[in-house]
Amino acid sequence: MLLASVFDMISMIESSAFLLKNIIQGSILG
């Protein structure tokens, strides 16, 4: 299923972006 792997990739990218955003905010605030 190509669609499933694409969905997995998108969710992985979204969670990575979320983590990066938290780290960047923590660096700015910290």
C-alpha atoms as a PDB file:
ATOM      1  CA  MET A   1       0.000   0.000   0.000  1.00  0.00           C
ATOM      2  CA  LEU A   2       1.726   3.119  -1.237  1.00  0.00           C
ATOM      3  CA  LEU A   3      -0.902   5.385   0.297  1.00  0.00           C
ATOM      4  CA  ALA A   4      -0.316   3.950   3.771  1.00  0.00           C
ATOM      5  CA  SER A   5       3.438   4.575   3.603  1.00  0.00           C
ATOM      6  CA  VAL A   6       2.840   8.132   2.395  1.00  0.00           C
ATOM      7  CA  PHE A   7       0.478   8.702   5.330  1.00  0.00           C
ATOM      8  CA  ASP A   8       3.076   7.266   7.730  1.00  0.00           C
ATOM      9  CA  MET A   9       5.709   9.576   6.261  1.00  0.00           C
ATOM     10  CA  ILE A  10       3.450  12.616   6.647  1.00  0.00           C
ATOM     11  CA  SER A  11       2.608  11.804  10.272  1.00  0.00           C
ATOM     12  CA  MET A  12       6.314  11.235  10.993  1.00  0.00           C
ATOM     13  CA  ILE A  13       7.163  14.632   9.491  1.00  0.00           C
ATOM     14  CA  GLU A  14       4.369  16.287  11.466  1.00  0.00           C
ATOM     15  CA  SER A  15       5.548  14.828  14.768  1.00  0.00           C
ATOM     16  CA  SER A  16       9.149  15.803  13.953  1.00  0.00           C
ATOM     17  CA  ALA A  17       8.044  19.367  13.183  1.00  0.00           C
ATOM     18  CA  PHE A  18       6.088  19.430  16.459  1.00  0.00           C
ATOM     19  CA  LEU A  19       9.163  18.308  18.412  1.00  0.00           C
ATOM     20  CA  LEU A  20      11.372  20.837  16.612  1.00  0.00           C
ATOM     21  CA  LYS A  21       8.894  23.613  17.371  1.00  0.00           C
ATOM     22  CA  ASN A  22       8.881  22.683  21.061  1.00  0.00           C
ATOM     23  CA  ILE A  23      12.693  22.564  21.157  1.00  0.00           C
ATOM     24  CA  ILE A  24      12.989  25.951  19.431  1.00  0.00           C
ATOM     25  CA  GLN A  25      10.422  27.522  21.752  1.00  0.00           C
ATOM     26  CA  GLY A  26      12.228  26.018  24.746  1.00  0.00           C
ATOM     27  CA  SER A  27      15.533  27.460  23.522  1.00  0.00           C
ATOM     28  CA  ILE A  28      14.014  30.918  23.057  1.00  0.00           C
ATOM     29  CA  LEU A  29      12.200  30.880  26.402  1.00  0.00           C
ATOM     30  CA  GLY A  30      14.959  29.046  28.286  1.00  0.00           C
END
